[in-house]
Amino acid sequence: MYDGCNCGYGGHGMRNFLTKEEKLEILKEYQKNLEEEVKGVKERIKDLEKNN
């Protein structure tokens, strides 16, 4: 849902003006994706440390 662009312009599949609820939902989804990315990075670090 969140494409990482914070330019404020439409044309990225989103309207120009979002409601507060829509912004909140986008931020929550973005946070979830970041947390999953951190989890993946930690797993990768663990794997690399095991192989040394």
N, C-alpha and C. Protein backbone atom coordinates (compact mmCIF):
# COMPACT_ATOMS: atom_id res chain seq x y z
N MET A 1 0.82 -1.19 0.00
CA MET A 1 0.00 0.00 0.00
C MET A 1 0.86 1.25 0.00
N TYR A 2 1.92 1.27 0.75
CA TYR A 2 2.81 2.43 0.81
C TYR A 2 3.95 2.21 -0.15
N ASP A 3 4.15 3.16 -1.07
CA ASP A 3 5.19 2.97 -2.08
C ASP A 3 6.52 3.64 -1.72
N GLY A 4 6.60 4.23 -0.52
CA GLY A 4 7.85 4.84 -0.09
C GLY A 4 8.01 6.28 -0.54
N CYS A 5 7.15 6.74 -1.43
CA CYS A 5 7.24 8.11 -1.92
C CYS A 5 6.48 9.03 -0.96
N ASN A 6 7.11 10.09 -0.59
CA ASN A 6 6.47 11.04 0.31
C ASN A 6 6.42 12.41 -0.35
N CYS A 7 6.22 12.42 -1.68
CA CYS A 7 6.31 13.67 -2.41
C CYS A 7 5.04 14.50 -2.30
N GLY A 8 3.93 13.90 -1.90
CA GLY A 8 2.69 14.65 -1.75
C GLY A 8 1.89 14.79 -3.02
N TYR A 9 2.37 14.21 -4.09
CA TYR A 9 1.66 14.30 -5.36
C TYR A 9 0.93 13.00 -5.66
N GLY A 10 -0.16 13.11 -6.38
CA GLY A 10 -0.88 11.92 -6.85
C GLY A 10 -0.10 11.31 -7.99
N GLY A 11 -0.73 10.41 -8.70
CA GLY A 11 -0.05 9.78 -9.82
C GLY A 11 0.72 8.55 -9.42
N HIS A 12 0.77 8.27 -8.14
CA HIS A 12 1.42 7.07 -7.64
C HIS A 12 0.37 6.06 -7.21
N GLY A 13 -0.83 6.20 -7.75
CA GLY A 13 -1.91 5.31 -7.37
C GLY A 13 -2.66 5.79 -6.14
N MET A 14 -2.36 7.00 -5.68
CA MET A 14 -3.02 7.53 -4.50
C MET A 14 -3.54 8.93 -4.80
N ARG A 15 -4.52 9.32 -4.05
CA ARG A 15 -5.06 10.67 -4.18
C ARG A 15 -4.10 11.68 -3.59
N ASN A 16 -4.32 12.96 -3.87
CA ASN A 16 -3.48 14.02 -3.32
C ASN A 16 -3.71 14.25 -1.85
N PHE A 17 -4.96 14.16 -1.40
CA PHE A 17 -5.30 14.49 -0.03
C PHE A 17 -5.93 13.28 0.65
N LEU A 18 -5.25 12.77 1.64
CA LEU A 18 -5.72 11.60 2.36
C LEU A 18 -6.36 12.03 3.67
N THR A 19 -7.28 11.20 4.14
CA THR A 19 -7.87 11.47 5.45
C THR A 19 -6.87 11.07 6.54
N LYS A 20 -7.12 11.54 7.73
CA LYS A 20 -6.26 11.20 8.87
C LYS A 20 -6.21 9.68 9.05
N GLU A 21 -7.36 9.02 8.90
CA GLU A 21 -7.43 7.57 9.07
C GLU A 21 -6.60 6.86 8.00
N GLU A 22 -6.65 7.36 6.77
CA GLU A 22 -5.87 6.75 5.69
C GLU A 22 -4.38 6.91 5.94
N LYS A 23 -3.98 8.11 6.38
CA LYS A 23 -2.57 8.34 6.70
C LYS A 23 -2.09 7.41 7.81
N LEU A 24 -2.92 7.25 8.83
CA LEU A 24 -2.58 6.37 9.95
C LEU A 24 -2.41 4.94 9.48
N GLU A 25 -3.32 4.47 8.64
CA GLU A 25 -3.23 3.09 8.13
C GLU A 25 -1.97 2.90 7.30
N ILE A 26 -1.64 3.88 6.48
CA ILE A 26 -0.41 3.80 5.67
C ILE A 26 0.81 3.73 6.56
N LEU A 27 0.85 4.57 7.58
CA LEU A 27 1.99 4.58 8.50
C LEU A 27 2.11 3.27 9.27
N LYS A 28 0.98 2.71 9.69
CA LYS A 28 1.01 1.42 10.40
C LYS A 28 1.55 0.31 9.50
N GLU A 29 1.13 0.31 8.24
CA GLU A 29 1.61 -0.70 7.29
C GLU A 29 3.11 -0.51 7.03
N TYR A 30 3.53 0.73 6.92
CA TYR A 30 4.94 1.04 6.72
C TYR A 30 5.77 0.57 7.91
N GLN A 31 5.27 0.82 9.12
CA GLN A 31 5.95 0.38 10.33
C GLN A 31 6.08 -1.14 10.35
N LYS A 32 5.01 -1.83 9.99
CA LYS A 32 5.03 -3.30 9.96
C LYS A 32 6.10 -3.80 8.98
N ASN A 33 6.16 -3.18 7.81
CA ASN A 33 7.16 -3.57 6.82
C ASN A 33 8.57 -3.32 7.32
N LEU A 34 8.78 -2.19 7.99
CA LEU A 34 10.11 -1.90 8.54
C LEU A 34 10.50 -2.92 9.61
N GLU A 35 9.56 -3.26 10.47
CA GLU A 35 9.84 -4.24 11.53
C GLU A 35 10.18 -5.60 10.94
N GLU A 36 9.50 -5.99 9.86
CA GLU A 36 9.81 -7.26 9.21
C GLU A 36 11.18 -7.21 8.53
N GLU A 37 11.52 -6.06 7.98
CA GLU A 37 12.84 -5.89 7.38
C GLU A 37 13.93 -6.03 8.43
N VAL A 38 13.75 -5.42 9.59
CA VAL A 38 14.71 -5.52 10.69
C VAL A 38 14.86 -6.99 11.11
N LYS A 39 13.75 -7.69 11.20
CA LYS A 39 13.80 -9.11 11.57
C LYS A 39 14.63 -9.90 10.55
N GLY A 40 14.42 -9.61 9.28
CA GLY A 40 15.19 -10.29 8.23
C GLY A 40 16.67 -9.97 8.31
N VAL A 41 17.00 -8.73 8.58
CA VAL A 41 18.40 -8.32 8.71
C VAL A 41 19.05 -9.04 9.88
N LYS A 42 18.36 -9.11 11.00
CA LYS A 42 18.91 -9.81 12.18
C LYS A 42 19.15 -11.28 11.88
N GLU A 43 18.21 -11.91 11.17
CA GLU A 43 18.39 -13.32 10.80
C GLU A 43 19.60 -13.50 9.89
N ARG A 44 19.76 -12.58 8.95
CA ARG A 44 20.89 -12.67 8.02
C ARG A 44 22.22 -12.49 8.75
N ILE A 45 22.26 -11.55 9.68
CA ILE A 45 23.47 -11.32 10.48
C ILE A 45 23.81 -12.59 11.26
N LYS A 46 22.79 -13.20 11.88
CA LYS A 46 23.00 -14.43 12.64
C LYS A 46 23.58 -15.54 11.76
N ASP A 47 23.02 -15.68 10.56
CA ASP A 47 23.51 -16.71 9.63
C ASP A 47 24.95 -16.45 9.24
N LEU A 48 25.27 -15.20 8.97
CA LEU A 48 26.65 -14.88 8.57
C LEU A 48 27.63 -15.10 9.71
N GLU A 49 27.22 -14.78 10.93
CA GLU A 49 28.11 -14.99 12.09
C GLU A 49 28.33 -16.47 12.35
N LYS A 50 27.32 -17.29 12.09
CA LYS A 50 27.46 -18.75 12.27
C LYS A 50 28.47 -19.33 11.31
N ASN A 51 28.52 -18.79 10.11
CA ASN A 51 29.39 -19.34 9.07
C ASN A 51 30.82 -18.86 9.15
N ASN A 52 31.16 -18.06 10.14
CA ASN A 52 32.54 -17.58 10.29
C ASN A 52 33.31 -18.39 11.27
